[in-house]
Amino acid sequence: MLPFIAKRGIQGVILLIMVSFISFAVMNLAPGNAMQTFINPRMSPQEITRAENALGINKPIPVQYLGWASNLLQGNFGYSVRNGESVTALLKQRAGPTLLLTATSFVLIVFIALVIGVYSAARPYSLVDYLSTTLVFAGISIPSFFFGLTLIYLFSVQLGWFPTSGFESYSAGHQGLALFLDRAWHMALPVCVLTLTGIAGILRHVRSSVSEALRQDYIRTARSKGVGERAILVKHALRNGLIPVVTLLGLSLPAFFAGSVITETIFAWPGMGRLLVDSVFARDYPVSMAINTITAVLVIVGSLVADMLYGLIDPRVRFDG
C-alpha cells in the first residue's frame, strides 16, 4: 500500500505542476492585465508601469510562475490584486459556505443513488425504475443554470416559498436552531440544483452495475443456498458493482465544485465558486490560481481515494509498488 501511495503521490505532484503552470500561462496570455480593471484612467503611463513593476505582472511568465510557486510552497497564495487582502484569508471566508453546500448535496446524491439504483436494479420496469430513468435524463439534459433560474422563478418569485439568493438572513439575527433553519431555508434551492445535476451519472452507473451483478453465477448460487434477497442485494450485488461507482464518486468531487461555480453565482451564494467568477472578471489572478490549484488537488486526491477504496470493496485488488 505505501509504495503505491508514494508512486501515486509523485505522479500527483508532477501533474499538479503541469496543471498549475498551464493555468498560470493561460491566464497571463490573455490580453491586458489586472491593472486595467481598477486603475484610474487619468493615470500616466509611467505611473502604470511603476504599479506593474511593483506587482511583478510585467515579468516573463516563467519568472512569475516560479515566484508564485515558491510562495505556494511556503503556504502563501499571495494577495488579491483587487483589494490587497490575503488570498488565504479570502479562501477561509468562502470555504465554509461552499463545503456546506457541496457536502450536503454529495451526501444526498450518494444516498439517493444507492437506494433508488439498487431498488431499480432489483425491480426493473417498475414505477420507481421509470421515475429514476426520467430523473437521469432530466439531470443529464437540463443545464444547471437553467434549472436554477427555473426554481427561482417558480418557488421564489411566484410562490415566495424560498429566498432568491444569499446564505442567511443577516438582518434577522438568528442564533442556534433558528440560524440552522434559516440557512437550511436558503440552501434548499441550490442543493436541489446540485443534487439533480450530479445524481444522473451516479444513479445510472449504480443501476447498471447492480443489474449486471445480479445476472452473475454467484448470485444464483447464493439464492440456491437460501440467502435472503436483502443480503444478496447489499452484500453481493451492490458490493461487487461498486467499483465503477467508486471511481465515478472519486472523480465527481471536483465536478461538484465546478457545478457549484454556476450554482453559487445564480443564487449569490458567498462561496468559493462565486469568488472564482468574480476573480476571473476582475482579472484577479492570485485568487483564480489558488482556486484552480485547490480544484486540481481535489482531482488528484479524489482519484487516489477511489483507488484505495478498491481494496476495501474487492479483496482481490492488490496494490503493488
Protein backbone atom coordinates (compact mmCIF):
# COMPACT_ATOMS: atom_id res chain seq x y z
CA MET A 1 0.00 0.00 0.00
CA LEU A 2 2.71 2.51 0.97
CA PRO A 3 4.74 2.06 -2.25
CA PHE A 4 1.54 2.52 -4.24
CA ILE A 5 0.65 5.72 -2.36
CA ALA A 6 4.19 7.04 -2.77
CA LYS A 7 4.14 6.34 -6.51
CA ARG A 8 0.76 8.00 -6.93
CA GLY A 9 1.91 10.91 -4.80
CA ILE A 10 4.89 11.55 -7.08
CA GLN A 11 2.65 11.33 -10.13
CA GLY A 12 0.22 13.73 -8.49
CA VAL A 13 2.93 16.29 -7.77
CA ILE A 14 4.12 16.20 -11.38
CA LEU A 15 0.56 16.52 -12.64
CA LEU A 16 -0.12 19.39 -10.26
CA ILE A 17 2.95 21.27 -11.50
CA MET A 18 1.89 20.83 -15.11
CA VAL A 19 -1.72 21.87 -14.48
CA SER A 20 -0.75 24.91 -12.41
CA PHE A 21 1.79 26.11 -14.99
CA ILE A 22 -0.66 25.73 -17.87
CA SER A 23 -3.37 27.57 -15.90
CA PHE A 24 -0.92 30.31 -14.96
CA ALA A 25 0.27 30.70 -18.56
CA VAL A 26 -3.25 30.79 -20.00
CA MET A 27 -4.34 33.48 -17.53
CA ASN A 28 -1.32 35.64 -18.23
CA LEU A 29 -1.51 35.20 -22.01
CA ALA A 30 -4.93 36.86 -22.07
CA PRO A 31 -4.87 40.42 -23.46
CA GLY A 32 -4.25 43.11 -20.85
CA ASN A 33 -3.68 42.58 -17.16
CA ALA A 34 -5.30 43.10 -13.81
CA MET A 35 -4.30 46.77 -13.71
CA GLN A 36 -6.83 47.58 -16.41
CA THR A 37 -9.79 46.61 -14.24
CA PHE A 38 -9.32 49.14 -11.47
CA ILE A 39 -6.75 51.82 -12.43
CA ASN A 40 -7.62 55.47 -12.68
CA PRO A 41 -7.99 56.29 -16.39
CA ARG A 42 -6.15 59.57 -15.75
CA MET A 43 -3.01 57.78 -14.56
CA SER A 44 0.04 58.40 -16.69
CA PRO A 45 1.82 55.53 -18.49
CA GLN A 46 4.79 56.00 -16.15
CA GLU A 47 2.60 55.50 -13.07
CA ILE A 48 1.01 52.41 -14.61
CA THR A 49 4.46 50.99 -15.36
CA ARG A 50 5.59 51.60 -11.79
CA ALA A 51 2.48 49.84 -10.47
CA GLU A 52 3.06 46.89 -12.79
CA ASN A 53 6.69 46.68 -11.65
CA ALA A 54 5.58 46.70 -8.02
CA LEU A 55 3.13 43.87 -8.66
CA GLY A 56 5.56 41.97 -10.89
CA ILE A 57 2.94 41.41 -13.59
CA ASN A 58 5.18 42.64 -16.41
CA LYS A 59 7.84 39.97 -15.90
CA PRO A 60 8.12 36.90 -18.16
CA ILE A 61 5.57 34.19 -17.43
CA PRO A 62 8.15 31.57 -16.23
CA VAL A 63 9.62 34.09 -13.79
CA GLN A 64 6.18 34.99 -12.46
CA TYR A 65 5.28 31.31 -12.13
CA LEU A 66 8.43 30.48 -10.20
CA GLY A 67 7.72 33.34 -7.80
CA TRP A 68 4.15 32.19 -7.34
CA ALA A 69 5.20 28.55 -6.85
CA SER A 70 7.87 29.46 -4.30
CA ASN A 71 5.29 31.38 -2.28
CA LEU A 72 2.88 28.46 -2.57
CA LEU A 73 5.45 26.06 -1.11
CA GLN A 74 5.58 28.35 1.93
CA GLY A 75 1.80 28.17 2.29
CA ASN A 76 1.27 31.64 0.84
CA PHE A 77 -1.20 32.06 -2.02
CA GLY A 78 -0.30 35.72 -2.34
CA TYR A 79 -2.55 38.76 -2.14
CA SER A 80 -5.57 39.79 -4.11
CA VAL A 81 -4.80 42.33 -6.80
CA ARG A 82 -8.28 43.76 -6.49
CA ASN A 83 -8.39 44.64 -2.78
CA GLY A 84 -4.98 43.67 -1.39
CA GLU A 85 -6.40 41.06 1.01
CA SER A 86 -4.62 37.80 1.68
CA VAL A 87 -5.84 35.09 -0.68
CA THR A 88 -5.67 32.55 2.15
CA ALA A 89 -7.97 34.73 4.25
CA LEU A 90 -10.42 35.06 1.36
CA LEU A 91 -10.47 31.31 0.84
CA LYS A 92 -11.09 30.68 4.53
CA GLN A 93 -14.08 33.03 4.42
CA ARG A 94 -15.57 31.31 1.38
CA ALA A 95 -14.63 27.67 2.08
CA GLY A 96 -17.29 27.15 4.76
CA PRO A 97 -20.35 28.01 2.63
CA THR A 98 -19.02 26.02 -0.33
CA LEU A 99 -18.22 22.99 1.82
CA LEU A 100 -21.65 23.14 3.44
CA LEU A 101 -23.40 23.32 0.07
CA THR A 102 -21.37 20.67 -1.74
CA ALA A 103 -21.16 18.25 1.21
CA THR A 104 -24.92 18.33 1.71
CA SER A 105 -25.51 17.73 -1.99
CA PHE A 106 -22.90 14.97 -2.10
CA VAL A 107 -24.46 13.07 0.82
CA LEU A 108 -27.91 13.34 -0.74
CA ILE A 109 -26.60 12.20 -4.11
CA VAL A 110 -24.87 9.12 -2.69
CA PHE A 111 -27.85 8.15 -0.53
CA ILE A 112 -30.47 8.64 -3.24
CA ALA A 113 -28.35 6.99 -5.94
CA LEU A 114 -27.64 3.90 -3.85
CA VAL A 115 -31.20 3.43 -2.61
CA ILE A 116 -33.01 4.12 -5.89
CA GLY A 117 -30.32 2.50 -8.04
CA VAL A 118 -30.37 -0.78 -6.11
CA TYR A 119 -34.17 -0.82 -5.98
CA SER A 120 -34.43 -0.12 -9.72
CA ALA A 121 -31.97 -2.91 -10.48
CA ALA A 122 -33.87 -5.35 -8.27
CA ARG A 123 -37.27 -4.24 -9.64
CA PRO A 124 -36.72 -3.45 -13.33
CA TYR A 125 -39.56 -1.82 -15.28
CA SER A 126 -41.30 -0.84 -12.07
CA LEU A 127 -42.67 2.63 -11.40
CA VAL A 128 -39.56 3.53 -9.40
CA ASP A 129 -37.37 2.35 -12.26
CA TYR A 130 -39.22 4.52 -14.76
CA LEU A 131 -39.10 7.51 -12.43
CA SER A 132 -35.35 7.04 -11.87
CA THR A 133 -34.78 6.86 -15.62
CA THR A 134 -36.69 10.10 -16.03
CA LEU A 135 -34.60 11.65 -13.26
CA VAL A 136 -31.41 10.55 -15.00
CA PHE A 137 -32.49 12.02 -18.34
CA ALA A 138 -33.51 15.27 -16.65
CA GLY A 139 -30.21 15.53 -14.78
CA ILE A 140 -28.20 14.96 -17.94
CA SER A 141 -30.28 17.17 -20.21
CA ILE A 142 -31.12 20.21 -18.09
CA PRO A 143 -28.27 22.72 -17.62
CA SER A 144 -27.69 23.73 -14.03
CA PHE A 145 -28.13 27.45 -14.73
CA PHE A 146 -31.49 26.86 -16.44
CA PHE A 147 -32.72 24.59 -13.67
CA GLY A 148 -31.60 27.09 -11.03
CA LEU A 149 -33.33 30.01 -12.73
CA THR A 150 -36.47 27.92 -13.14
CA LEU A 151 -36.54 27.07 -9.43
CA ILE A 152 -36.03 30.72 -8.53
CA TYR A 153 -38.88 31.78 -10.78
CA LEU A 154 -41.30 29.12 -9.54
CA PHE A 155 -40.55 28.82 -5.83
CA SER A 156 -39.16 32.26 -5.05
CA VAL A 157 -40.79 34.76 -7.40
CA GLN A 158 -44.16 33.12 -7.98
CA LEU A 159 -44.79 31.16 -4.77
CA GLY A 160 -42.47 33.01 -2.39
CA TRP A 161 -41.54 29.83 -0.53
CA PHE A 162 -37.76 30.25 -0.64
CA PRO A 163 -35.36 33.20 -0.87
CA THR A 164 -33.87 34.04 -4.24
CA SER A 165 -30.29 34.35 -3.03
CA GLY A 166 -27.94 34.59 -0.08
CA PHE A 167 -26.53 32.40 2.66
CA GLU A 168 -28.68 33.56 5.56
CA SER A 169 -30.98 36.38 6.62
CA TYR A 170 -28.35 38.69 8.07
CA SER A 171 -30.91 41.22 9.30
CA ALA A 172 -32.77 38.62 11.36
CA GLY A 173 -30.01 37.98 13.89
CA HIS A 174 -30.81 34.29 14.30
CA GLN A 175 -28.94 32.06 16.74
CA GLY A 176 -28.88 28.33 17.43
CA LEU A 177 -31.72 26.34 15.92
CA ALA A 178 -33.24 29.40 14.28
CA LEU A 179 -29.95 30.07 12.47
CA PHE A 180 -29.76 26.43 11.33
CA LEU A 181 -33.30 26.52 9.96
CA ASP A 182 -32.67 29.85 8.26
CA ARG A 183 -29.58 28.54 6.49
CA ALA A 184 -31.39 25.34 5.53
CA TRP A 185 -34.15 27.52 4.07
CA HIS A 186 -31.58 29.36 1.95
CA MET A 187 -29.84 26.12 0.96
CA ALA A 188 -32.95 24.33 -0.30
CA LEU A 189 -32.91 25.53 -3.91
CA PRO A 190 -29.15 25.42 -4.59
CA VAL A 191 -28.93 21.95 -3.02
CA CYS A 192 -31.75 20.79 -5.31
CA VAL A 193 -29.83 22.10 -8.34
CA LEU A 194 -26.56 20.40 -7.38
CA THR A 195 -28.32 17.16 -6.43
CA LEU A 196 -30.30 16.81 -9.64
CA THR A 197 -27.40 17.70 -11.93
CA GLY A 198 -24.96 15.50 -10.02
CA ILE A 199 -27.04 12.41 -9.42
CA ALA A 200 -27.70 11.44 -13.02
CA GLY A 201 -24.45 9.68 -13.86
CA ILE A 202 -24.04 8.03 -10.47
CA LEU A 203 -27.60 6.70 -10.37
CA ARG A 204 -27.26 5.29 -13.87
CA HIS A 205 -23.99 3.53 -13.01
CA VAL A 206 -25.39 2.11 -9.76
CA ARG A 207 -28.38 0.64 -11.56
CA SER A 208 -26.36 -0.81 -14.43
CA SER A 209 -23.62 -2.21 -12.16
CA VAL A 210 -26.07 -3.88 -9.76
CA SER A 211 -28.15 -5.20 -12.67
CA GLU A 212 -25.05 -6.75 -14.19
CA ALA A 213 -24.05 -8.25 -10.83
CA LEU A 214 -27.49 -9.78 -10.31
CA ARG A 215 -27.06 -11.81 -13.51
CA GLN A 216 -23.83 -13.47 -12.34
CA ASP A 217 -23.49 -17.11 -11.31
CA TYR A 218 -22.55 -16.36 -7.71
CA ILE A 219 -25.91 -14.62 -7.21
CA ARG A 220 -27.76 -17.75 -8.35
CA THR A 221 -25.53 -19.80 -6.06
CA ALA A 222 -26.35 -17.55 -3.11
CA ARG A 223 -30.07 -17.81 -3.82
CA SER A 224 -29.85 -21.59 -4.09
CA LYS A 225 -28.26 -21.66 -0.63
CA GLY A 226 -31.23 -19.76 0.80
CA VAL A 227 -29.56 -16.36 1.27
CA GLY A 228 -32.12 -13.61 1.77
CA GLU A 229 -32.83 -11.16 -1.03
CA ARG A 230 -31.72 -8.18 1.02
CA ALA A 231 -28.39 -9.82 1.83
CA ILE A 232 -27.93 -10.68 -1.83
CA LEU A 233 -28.52 -7.09 -2.89
CA VAL A 234 -26.36 -5.45 -0.23
CA LYS A 235 -23.54 -7.93 0.45
CA HIS A 236 -23.14 -9.44 -3.01
CA ALA A 237 -24.62 -7.42 -5.86
CA LEU A 238 -24.01 -3.92 -4.51
CA ARG A 239 -20.53 -4.61 -3.18
CA ASN A 240 -19.36 -6.21 -6.42
CA GLY A 241 -20.95 -3.49 -8.50
CA LEU A 242 -19.49 -0.59 -6.55
CA ILE A 243 -16.06 -0.42 -8.19
CA PRO A 244 -17.11 1.68 -11.21
CA VAL A 245 -19.35 3.73 -8.95
CA VAL A 246 -16.47 4.46 -6.55
CA THR A 247 -14.37 5.65 -9.47
CA LEU A 248 -17.16 7.98 -10.54
CA LEU A 249 -17.64 9.27 -6.99
CA GLY A 250 -13.93 9.94 -6.56
CA LEU A 251 -13.73 11.92 -9.77
CA SER A 252 -17.00 13.73 -9.04
CA LEU A 253 -15.51 15.72 -6.15
CA PRO A 254 -14.04 18.41 -8.43
CA ALA A 255 -17.11 18.14 -10.64
CA PHE A 256 -19.29 19.14 -7.70
CA PHE A 257 -17.03 22.11 -7.13
CA ALA A 258 -17.25 23.07 -10.81
CA GLY A 259 -21.02 22.80 -10.67
CA SER A 260 -21.10 24.97 -7.57
CA VAL A 261 -19.44 27.77 -9.57
CA ILE A 262 -22.58 28.21 -11.66
CA THR A 263 -24.99 27.48 -8.82
CA GLU A 264 -23.30 29.86 -6.38
CA THR A 265 -23.32 32.63 -8.99
CA ILE A 266 -27.02 32.19 -9.73
CA PHE A 267 -28.04 32.09 -6.07
CA ALA A 268 -25.44 34.69 -4.92
CA TRP A 269 -24.01 32.10 -2.55
CA PRO A 270 -20.92 33.50 -0.79
CA GLY A 271 -18.67 30.56 -1.59
CA MET A 272 -15.50 29.79 -3.50
CA GLY A 273 -17.34 29.25 -6.77
CA ARG A 274 -18.71 32.76 -6.79
CA LEU A 275 -15.30 34.06 -5.68
CA LEU A 276 -13.74 32.36 -8.71
CA VAL A 277 -16.19 34.02 -11.08
CA ASP A 278 -15.61 37.44 -9.52
CA SER A 279 -11.83 36.99 -9.65
CA VAL A 280 -11.90 35.95 -13.31
CA PHE A 281 -13.91 39.01 -14.33
CA ALA A 282 -11.65 41.25 -12.22
CA ARG A 283 -8.51 39.59 -13.64
CA ASP A 284 -7.50 38.81 -10.07
CA TYR A 285 -5.00 36.10 -10.97
CA PRO A 286 -3.75 35.18 -7.46
CA VAL A 287 -7.28 34.29 -6.35
CA SER A 288 -8.06 32.42 -9.57
CA MET A 289 -4.82 30.44 -9.40
CA ALA A 290 -5.43 29.50 -5.77
CA ILE A 291 -8.90 28.12 -6.55
CA ASN A 292 -7.67 26.32 -9.68
CA THR A 293 -4.88 24.74 -7.65
CA ILE A 294 -7.30 23.55 -4.99
CA THR A 295 -9.51 22.04 -7.72
CA ALA A 296 -6.52 20.21 -9.21
CA VAL A 297 -5.61 18.86 -5.76
CA LEU A 298 -9.20 17.62 -5.36
CA VAL A 299 -8.94 15.73 -8.66
CA ILE A 300 -5.70 14.04 -7.60
CA VAL A 301 -6.89 13.23 -4.07
CA GLY A 302 -10.27 12.00 -5.29
CA SER A 303 -8.62 9.64 -7.77
CA LEU A 304 -6.22 8.34 -5.10
CA VAL A 305 -9.00 7.78 -2.55
CA ALA A 306 -11.07 5.93 -5.15
CA ASP A 307 -8.15 3.62 -5.94
CA MET A 308 -7.55 2.93 -2.25
CA LEU A 309 -11.22 2.09 -1.70
CA TYR A 310 -10.98 -0.67 -4.29
CA GLY A 311 -9.10 -2.83 -1.80
CA LEU A 312 -11.84 -2.41 0.79
CA ILE A 313 -14.61 -3.26 -1.65
CA ASP A 314 -12.94 -6.09 -3.56
CA PRO A 315 -10.45 -8.31 -1.64
CA ARG A 316 -8.99 -9.44 -4.97
CA VAL A 317 -7.48 -5.98 -5.55
CA ARG A 318 -3.83 -5.78 -4.55
CA PHE A 319 -1.61 -2.71 -4.54
CA ASP A 320 1.90 -3.25 -5.85
CA GLY A 321 4.76 -0.78 -5.78
